[in-house]
Amino acid sequence: MDTLFSSGVAVVDTVLKSTGGSVVVWSADPQAYSSEHERATRSNFAQRLAALKQFRFGGEYDAARDHENAPLYFVPSDTISSTQLARSLGISTLHDVFGGVVPHPFVATKAITHPLAGRAAACPDGWAPAFAAAVSDAVLDGYSAFSLEDARWAGRQLLESGPVRVKPVRATGGRGQTMVTDDEALDRCLAAMDESEIAVDGVVIEENLENPETYSVGQVIVDELIVSYYGRQRMTQDNQGQSVYGGSDLTLARGNFDALLAKTSPPPTLGLAIEQARRYHQAVIDCFPGFFASRVNYDVAQGVGAGGTWRSGVLEQSWRVGGATGAEMIAIESFWRDPALDRMRVSCFEAYGAAATIPADAQVHYRGIDKKTGHLTKYALQKPYDSDPT
């Protein structure tokens, strides 16, 4: 079976046609991605997918009740963390889910991006050492650690070359990361972390880039439709004044990544980002049997590392509804309804504060006051293809 990022025409051996069913949202973990704005956003996307597929929107999935209009198409809150769990829900292929399935929970986190801190380092069941070797030229320098002792060792090794970034593996949107420049700062940072969480989830210690640009490289598949894209991420300030993800400016094309490259001719630096994301994705397929996804997104950072060297590498992956999905959804709807359309530009935004100004032609998929986040508006805006992509 061809992979999502394959160069072939077909993406899967058999393409499924919509014959009636229900789209449901599902909270994979009630504690994760469960805020009011995240739940509302998922429901918005699920209803739009149901309309395209001519399915019924079935609301929140509940195993205790009989959902009408089978089969079910899931829009989960997170990557589904085991193939057994996916099968129990009736999810066996990428046509059953807007997101992805992994064989072990850690595979869905940024912990897989780097090698362990030494041969004797602690690691979870299912760890695949071959993955780090396969992506070594597609990621930044770094280590993943599952104990404080291993994290300290890893940090000290990297500090010999320059500043490093300490990254909790389940934090999103740039939150929770700390840049340290010496051993004492590293020790203080690690001491503030929960040792039991590190043992379960891990922590990433990675080289720090100065003033990096972060690019999104991704692909979505819904029935026969394949949409691939690249774009630049923007940062903004949340209601607490913290620098967080503020949206993305995407260039999207109908088809796989070869089609994207042919139709949009990205500059060489973006071409490198796309190649690194494809290599990372293929390594996941090769090293973690049971993985599949209909929505993939890879963050690729490019900037100046230690010694003034320009660096580029995949930071992490997302196989769930994410920050760029608002833009993805406009593209899916546009390509679905207009067979002649083959490329487009869409920007998505996360705007904090009650005074946020929203363009009249924006598609708003959330606007409200979240108990945790405060005033937040999430929207997407289609732009002329010949406009500035940034």
Protein backbone atom coordinates (compact mmCIF):
# COMPACT_ATOMS: atom_id res chain seq x y z
CA MET A 1 0.00 0.00 0.00
CA ASP A 2 1.37 3.43 -0.94
CA THR A 3 1.95 5.85 1.90
CA LEU A 4 0.49 9.30 2.42
CA PHE A 5 3.70 10.93 1.27
CA SER A 6 4.31 8.55 -1.63
CA SER A 7 5.22 9.70 -5.10
CA GLY A 8 2.72 7.34 -6.68
CA VAL A 9 -0.69 8.37 -8.00
CA ALA A 10 -2.65 6.15 -5.64
CA VAL A 11 -2.45 6.68 -1.91
CA VAL A 12 -4.21 3.51 -0.84
CA ASP A 13 -5.04 0.31 -2.64
CA THR A 14 -8.78 0.80 -2.27
CA VAL A 15 -10.58 4.14 -2.05
CA LEU A 16 -13.84 4.06 -0.14
CA LYS A 17 -16.88 5.96 -1.35
CA SER A 18 -19.33 7.51 1.09
CA THR A 19 -22.44 5.33 1.30
CA GLY A 20 -24.09 6.92 4.32
CA GLY A 21 -23.05 6.94 7.95
CA SER A 22 -22.35 9.23 10.89
CA VAL A 23 -19.48 11.53 11.80
CA VAL A 24 -18.84 11.58 15.54
CA VAL A 25 -16.43 13.42 17.79
CA TRP A 26 -14.66 11.44 20.47
CA SER A 27 -12.63 12.48 23.50
CA ALA A 28 -9.75 10.02 23.42
CA ASP A 29 -8.58 11.31 26.81
CA PRO A 30 -11.04 13.43 28.85
CA GLN A 31 -8.06 15.28 30.34
CA ALA A 32 -6.36 16.18 27.05
CA TYR A 33 -7.52 18.72 24.47
CA SER A 34 -10.77 18.96 26.39
CA SER A 35 -11.17 22.71 26.91
CA GLU A 36 -14.35 24.42 25.77
CA HIS A 37 -12.74 25.93 22.67
CA GLU A 38 -11.13 22.63 21.65
CA ARG A 39 -14.40 20.72 21.98
CA ALA A 40 -16.34 23.38 20.10
CA THR A 41 -13.74 23.51 17.32
CA ARG A 42 -13.81 19.73 16.85
CA SER A 43 -17.60 19.77 16.62
CA ASN A 44 -17.45 22.53 14.01
CA PHE A 45 -15.02 20.53 11.87
CA ALA A 46 -16.96 17.28 12.34
CA GLN A 47 -20.22 18.89 11.20
CA ARG A 48 -18.50 20.27 8.10
CA LEU A 49 -16.99 16.87 7.29
CA ALA A 50 -20.42 15.27 7.73
CA ALA A 51 -21.92 17.73 5.26
CA LEU A 52 -19.24 16.95 2.66
CA LYS A 53 -19.50 13.19 3.08
CA GLN A 54 -23.33 13.38 3.16
CA PHE A 55 -23.21 11.74 6.55
CA ARG A 56 -25.22 12.53 9.64
CA PHE A 57 -23.48 14.40 12.48
CA GLY A 58 -23.80 12.09 15.47
CA GLY A 59 -22.35 14.35 18.19
CA GLU A 60 -20.12 12.92 20.89
CA TYR A 61 -19.42 9.21 20.56
CA ASP A 62 -20.78 7.11 23.41
CA ALA A 63 -19.99 3.39 23.45
CA ALA A 64 -22.98 2.80 25.72
CA ARG A 65 -25.55 3.92 23.16
CA ASP A 66 -26.43 2.70 19.72
CA HIS A 67 -25.29 5.21 17.12
CA GLU A 68 -27.53 5.26 14.09
CA ASN A 69 -26.32 5.50 10.51
CA ALA A 70 -23.30 3.21 10.63
CA PRO A 71 -20.50 3.19 9.64
CA LEU A 72 -18.99 5.76 12.00
CA TYR A 73 -16.32 8.24 10.97
CA PHE A 74 -14.38 9.55 13.98
CA VAL A 75 -12.95 12.99 14.68
CA PRO A 76 -10.99 12.25 17.89
CA SER A 77 -9.43 14.75 20.25
CA ASP A 78 -6.02 13.13 20.01
CA THR A 79 -4.04 10.51 18.17
CA ILE A 80 -5.51 7.11 19.09
CA SER A 81 -2.84 5.52 21.24
CA SER A 82 -3.18 1.82 20.36
CA THR A 83 -4.24 -0.25 17.39
CA GLN A 84 -6.32 -2.46 19.70
CA LEU A 85 -8.28 0.53 20.96
CA ALA A 86 -8.82 1.72 17.39
CA ARG A 87 -10.17 -1.66 16.32
CA SER A 88 -12.56 -1.71 19.29
CA LEU A 89 -14.07 1.51 17.92
CA GLY A 90 -14.31 0.11 14.39
CA ILE A 91 -11.33 2.13 13.13
CA SER A 92 -9.22 -0.07 10.87
CA THR A 93 -8.09 2.26 8.05
CA LEU A 94 -7.41 5.94 7.51
CA HIS A 95 -10.89 6.21 5.96
CA ASP A 96 -12.47 5.71 9.38
CA VAL A 97 -10.86 8.65 11.15
CA PHE A 98 -9.78 12.27 10.74
CA GLY A 99 -6.48 11.84 12.56
CA GLY A 100 -4.20 8.91 13.22
CA VAL A 101 -3.56 5.67 15.08
CA VAL A 102 -0.26 4.62 16.71
CA PRO A 103 0.74 1.31 18.33
CA HIS A 104 2.07 2.90 21.56
CA PRO A 105 1.21 6.20 23.32
CA PHE A 106 4.76 7.61 23.16
CA VAL A 107 4.77 7.36 19.35
CA ALA A 108 2.29 10.25 19.22
CA THR A 109 4.63 12.59 21.12
CA LYS A 110 7.80 14.49 20.25
CA ALA A 111 9.74 11.93 22.32
CA ILE A 112 10.25 9.76 19.23
CA THR A 113 12.15 12.55 17.45
CA HIS A 114 15.51 11.95 19.16
CA PRO A 115 17.65 9.04 20.38
CA LEU A 116 17.84 7.99 24.01
CA ALA A 117 20.44 9.47 26.32
CA GLY A 118 22.81 6.50 26.11
CA ARG A 119 22.46 2.76 25.54
CA ALA A 120 21.47 2.02 29.14
CA ALA A 121 18.87 4.80 29.28
CA ALA A 122 15.32 4.11 30.42
CA CYS A 123 12.69 3.82 27.69
CA PRO A 124 9.06 2.69 27.25
CA ASP A 125 7.95 -0.65 25.82
CA GLY A 126 7.93 -0.59 22.04
CA TRP A 127 10.79 1.89 21.70
CA ALA A 128 12.40 1.59 18.24
CA PRO A 129 16.07 2.69 18.21
CA ALA A 130 16.07 2.46 14.42
CA PHE A 131 13.78 5.48 14.17
CA ALA A 132 16.33 8.00 15.47
CA ALA A 133 18.93 6.63 13.07
CA ALA A 134 16.52 6.93 10.14
CA VAL A 135 15.71 10.61 10.83
CA SER A 136 19.12 11.79 12.03
CA ASP A 137 19.55 14.16 9.07
CA ALA A 138 15.92 15.35 9.24
CA VAL A 139 15.87 16.61 12.85
CA LEU A 140 17.87 18.91 15.11
CA ASP A 141 20.45 17.62 17.58
CA GLY A 142 18.83 16.34 20.73
CA TYR A 143 17.94 13.51 23.09
CA SER A 144 14.81 12.02 24.60
CA ALA A 145 14.97 10.98 28.25
CA PHE A 146 12.65 9.02 30.51
CA SER A 147 14.42 9.72 33.81
CA LEU A 148 15.86 12.81 35.47
CA GLU A 149 19.31 11.26 35.52
CA ASP A 150 19.22 10.63 31.75
CA ALA A 151 17.85 14.13 31.12
CA ARG A 152 20.69 15.72 33.10
CA TRP A 153 23.26 13.71 31.15
CA ALA A 154 21.66 14.64 27.84
CA GLY A 155 21.48 18.30 28.72
CA ARG A 156 25.12 18.46 29.72
CA GLN A 157 26.20 16.83 26.48
CA LEU A 158 24.30 19.36 24.38
CA LEU A 159 25.32 22.38 26.50
CA GLU A 160 28.91 21.79 25.44
CA SER A 161 27.90 23.15 22.01
CA GLY A 162 25.53 25.93 23.07
CA PRO A 163 22.11 26.74 24.62
CA VAL A 164 19.50 23.98 24.73
CA ARG A 165 15.74 23.83 24.94
CA VAL A 166 13.96 21.61 27.50
CA LYS A 167 10.59 20.49 26.13
CA PRO A 168 7.81 18.58 27.93
CA VAL A 169 6.59 16.14 25.31
CA ARG A 170 2.85 16.74 25.70
CA ALA A 171 2.92 20.55 25.73
CA THR A 172 1.54 22.19 22.57
CA GLY A 173 1.56 25.61 20.95
CA GLY A 174 5.05 26.41 22.23
CA ARG A 175 3.97 26.25 25.87
CA GLY A 176 6.08 24.80 28.66
CA GLN A 177 9.47 25.04 26.92
CA THR A 178 12.54 26.46 28.66
CA MET A 179 15.81 27.61 27.14
CA VAL A 180 18.85 27.01 29.37
CA THR A 181 22.47 28.08 28.91
CA ASP A 182 24.36 26.30 31.70
CA ASP A 183 24.30 23.26 33.98
CA GLU A 184 22.77 25.10 36.93
CA ALA A 185 19.87 26.41 34.86
CA LEU A 186 19.34 22.92 33.46
CA ASP A 187 19.20 21.41 36.95
CA ARG A 188 16.70 24.03 38.13
CA CYS A 189 14.51 23.43 35.11
CA LEU A 190 14.50 19.65 35.54
CA ALA A 191 13.96 19.89 39.30
CA ALA A 192 10.73 21.77 38.65
CA MET A 193 9.37 18.93 36.53
CA ASP A 194 7.37 15.95 37.77
CA GLU A 195 9.70 12.94 37.81
CA SER A 196 6.82 10.49 37.49
CA GLU A 197 5.57 12.27 34.36
CA ILE A 198 9.04 12.13 32.85
CA ALA A 199 9.16 8.38 33.54
CA VAL A 200 5.87 7.88 31.66
CA ASP A 201 5.99 10.50 28.89
CA GLY A 202 9.64 11.52 28.68
CA VAL A 203 11.26 14.92 28.14
CA VAL A 204 13.10 16.26 25.09
CA ILE A 205 16.44 18.07 25.37
CA GLU A 206 17.21 19.77 22.05
CA GLU A 207 19.60 22.31 20.56
CA ASN A 208 18.25 25.86 20.63
CA LEU A 209 17.83 27.90 17.44
CA GLU A 210 18.03 31.68 17.40
CA ASN A 211 15.04 33.47 15.85
CA PRO A 212 13.76 30.35 14.11
CA GLU A 213 11.10 30.19 11.44
CA THR A 214 8.70 27.30 11.99
CA TYR A 215 7.02 25.72 8.99
CA SER A 216 4.05 23.39 8.78
CA VAL A 217 4.19 20.52 6.30
CA GLY A 218 1.06 18.42 6.12
CA GLN A 219 -1.51 16.37 4.30
CA VAL A 220 -5.15 15.39 4.75
CA ILE A 221 -7.22 12.67 3.10
CA VAL A 222 -11.02 12.54 3.10
CA ASP A 223 -12.46 9.82 0.85
CA GLU A 224 -10.89 10.29 -2.61
CA LEU A 225 -9.61 13.78 -1.89
CA ILE A 226 -5.94 14.34 -1.03
CA VAL A 227 -4.71 17.81 -0.04
CA SER A 228 -1.04 18.55 0.68
CA TYR A 229 0.43 21.80 1.96
CA TYR A 230 3.28 23.79 3.41
CA GLY A 231 3.35 27.11 5.19
CA ARG A 232 4.82 29.33 7.86
CA GLN A 233 3.58 29.48 11.44
CA ARG A 234 2.96 32.72 13.37
CA MET A 235 3.31 33.34 17.07
CA THR A 236 1.08 35.61 19.15
CA GLN A 237 0.50 36.49 22.79
CA ASP A 238 -2.23 34.73 24.73
CA ASN A 239 -4.33 36.36 27.42
CA GLN A 240 -1.55 35.83 29.97
CA GLY A 241 1.06 37.47 27.75
CA GLN A 242 2.78 34.20 26.89
CA SER A 243 4.11 33.66 23.36
CA VAL A 244 2.03 30.88 21.76
CA TYR A 245 0.96 29.56 18.36
CA GLY A 246 -1.08 32.21 16.55
CA GLY A 247 -1.86 30.54 13.24
CA SER A 248 -0.37 29.51 9.90
CA ASP A 249 -0.21 30.85 6.34
CA LEU A 250 -0.58 27.82 4.09
CA THR A 251 -0.12 27.04 0.41
CA LEU A 252 -2.21 23.98 -0.49
CA ALA A 253 -2.59 21.82 -3.56
CA ARG A 254 -4.81 18.98 -4.69
CA GLY A 255 -2.84 15.73 -4.60
CA ASN A 256 0.22 14.30 -2.87
CA PHE A 257 3.50 16.05 -2.16
CA ASP A 258 4.87 15.56 -5.64
CA ALA A 259 1.79 17.39 -6.93
CA LEU A 260 2.29 20.15 -4.34
CA LEU A 261 5.90 20.67 -5.40
CA ALA A 262 5.00 20.69 -9.09
CA LYS A 263 2.09 23.11 -8.75
CA THR A 264 3.60 25.62 -6.31
CA SER A 265 7.42 25.56 -6.79
CA PRO A 266 8.44 26.39 -3.19
CA PRO A 267 11.84 27.99 -2.49
CA PRO A 268 14.76 25.64 -1.67
CA THR A 269 14.50 26.09 2.12
CA LEU A 270 10.86 25.04 2.04
CA GLY A 271 11.70 22.21 -0.31
CA LEU A 272 14.16 20.97 2.31
CA ALA A 273 11.48 21.22 5.02
CA ILE A 274 9.11 19.15 2.92
CA GLU A 275 11.76 16.51 2.25
CA GLN A 276 12.62 16.27 5.96
CA ALA A 277 8.93 15.87 6.86
CA ARG A 278 8.52 13.13 4.24
CA ARG A 279 11.56 11.30 5.60
CA TYR A 280 10.25 11.55 9.16
CA HIS A 281 6.84 10.26 8.10
CA GLN A 282 8.28 7.31 6.20
CA ALA A 283 10.43 6.39 9.21
CA VAL A 284 7.30 6.25 11.39
CA ILE A 285 5.71 3.83 8.92
CA ASP A 286 8.85 1.70 8.76
CA CYS A 287 9.61 1.59 12.49
CA PHE A 288 6.15 1.47 14.09
CA PRO A 289 3.91 -1.14 12.41
CA GLY A 290 0.23 -0.42 12.93
CA PHE A 291 0.56 3.32 12.35
CA PHE A 292 -1.78 5.03 9.88
CA ALA A 293 -3.19 8.55 9.58
CA SER A 294 -5.50 10.62 7.38
CA ARG A 295 -4.35 13.93 8.87
CA VAL A 296 -0.64 14.57 9.32
CA ASN A 297 1.21 17.75 10.21
CA TYR A 298 4.93 18.17 10.86
CA ASP A 299 6.58 21.24 12.42
CA VAL A 300 9.95 22.01 10.83
CA ALA A 301 12.18 24.69 12.39
CA GLN A 302 14.87 26.56 10.49
CA GLY A 303 17.28 29.00 12.08
CA VAL A 304 20.76 29.62 13.45
CA GLY A 305 22.18 27.06 15.87
CA ALA A 306 25.37 26.87 17.88
CA GLY A 307 28.39 28.47 16.26
CA GLY A 308 26.26 30.41 13.79
CA THR A 309 25.41 27.34 11.72
CA TRP A 310 22.11 27.39 9.80
CA ARG A 311 19.99 24.41 10.81
CA SER A 312 16.74 22.77 9.72
CA GLY A 313 14.85 19.89 11.29
CA VAL A 314 11.48 18.39 12.20
CA LEU A 315 10.47 19.31 15.74
CA GLU A 316 7.37 17.21 16.19
CA GLN A 317 4.36 15.63 14.54
CA SER A 318 0.59 15.92 14.86
CA TRP A 319 -1.84 13.23 13.78
CA ARG A 320 -4.99 14.84 15.19
CA VAL A 321 -7.13 17.95 14.72
CA GLY A 322 -4.63 20.78 15.13
CA GLY A 323 -3.98 24.48 14.81
CA ALA A 324 -3.87 24.36 11.00
CA THR A 325 -7.10 22.37 10.62
CA GLY A 326 -9.20 25.51 10.17
CA ALA A 327 -7.23 26.25 6.99
CA GLU A 328 -7.24 22.58 5.99
CA MET A 329 -11.03 22.51 6.26
CA ILE A 330 -11.51 25.46 3.89
CA ALA A 331 -9.20 23.74 1.40
CA ILE A 332 -11.01 20.40 1.70
CA GLU A 333 -14.37 22.08 1.10
CA SER A 334 -13.06 24.18 -1.80
CA PHE A 335 -11.30 21.31 -3.63
CA TRP A 336 -14.28 19.02 -2.98
CA ARG A 337 -16.77 21.43 -4.57
CA ASP A 338 -14.61 22.66 -7.47
CA PRO A 339 -12.88 19.85 -9.42
CA ALA A 340 -11.01 22.43 -11.52
CA LEU A 341 -9.33 24.05 -8.51
CA ASP A 342 -5.82 22.69 -7.97
CA ARG A 343 -4.05 25.11 -5.61
CA MET A 344 -4.91 27.82 -3.12
CA ARG A 345 -3.71 29.85 -0.15
CA VAL A 346 -5.47 29.91 3.23
CA SER A 347 -4.45 31.46 6.54
CA CYS A 348 -5.75 30.44 9.93
CA PHE A 349 -5.64 32.58 13.07
CA GLU A 350 -5.92 32.21 16.83
CA ALA A 351 -6.68 35.69 18.19
CA TYR A 352 -6.77 36.36 21.93
CA GLY A 353 -8.65 39.11 23.73
CA ALA A 354 -12.14 40.58 23.53
CA ALA A 355 -11.01 43.32 21.12
CA ALA A 356 -9.75 40.96 18.39
CA THR A 357 -10.76 42.25 14.96
CA ILE A 358 -12.13 39.59 12.62
CA PRO A 359 -12.30 40.21 8.83
CA ALA A 360 -15.82 40.19 7.41
CA ASP A 361 -15.04 37.34 4.99
CA ALA A 362 -13.41 35.09 7.61
CA GLN A 363 -14.81 31.66 8.46
CA VAL A 364 -15.03 31.60 12.25
CA HIS A 365 -14.94 28.15 13.85
CA TYR A 366 -14.78 29.34 17.45
CA ARG A 367 -15.44 32.59 19.25
CA GLY A 368 -16.06 32.73 22.98
CA ILE A 369 -14.69 32.92 26.50
CA ASP A 370 -12.99 29.69 27.44
CA LYS A 371 -12.72 29.08 31.20
CA LYS A 372 -9.02 28.26 30.92
CA THR A 373 -7.94 30.41 28.00
CA GLY A 374 -10.17 33.47 28.22
CA HIS A 375 -11.35 35.42 25.16
CA LEU A 376 -10.36 33.52 22.02
CA THR A 377 -11.38 33.60 18.37
CA LYS A 378 -10.26 30.99 15.85
CA TYR A 379 -10.89 31.62 12.19
CA ALA A 380 -9.57 31.03 8.69
CA LEU A 381 -9.35 33.24 5.63
CA GLN A 382 -8.88 32.29 1.99
CA LYS A 383 -6.44 34.51 0.07
CA PRO A 384 -5.79 35.00 -3.66
CA TYR A 385 -3.18 32.54 -4.83
CA ASP A 386 -1.00 35.31 -6.25
CA SER A 387 -0.88 37.08 -2.87
CA ASP A 388 2.13 37.06 -0.55
CA PRO A 389 2.16 33.53 0.98
CA THR A 390 3.31 34.96 4.33
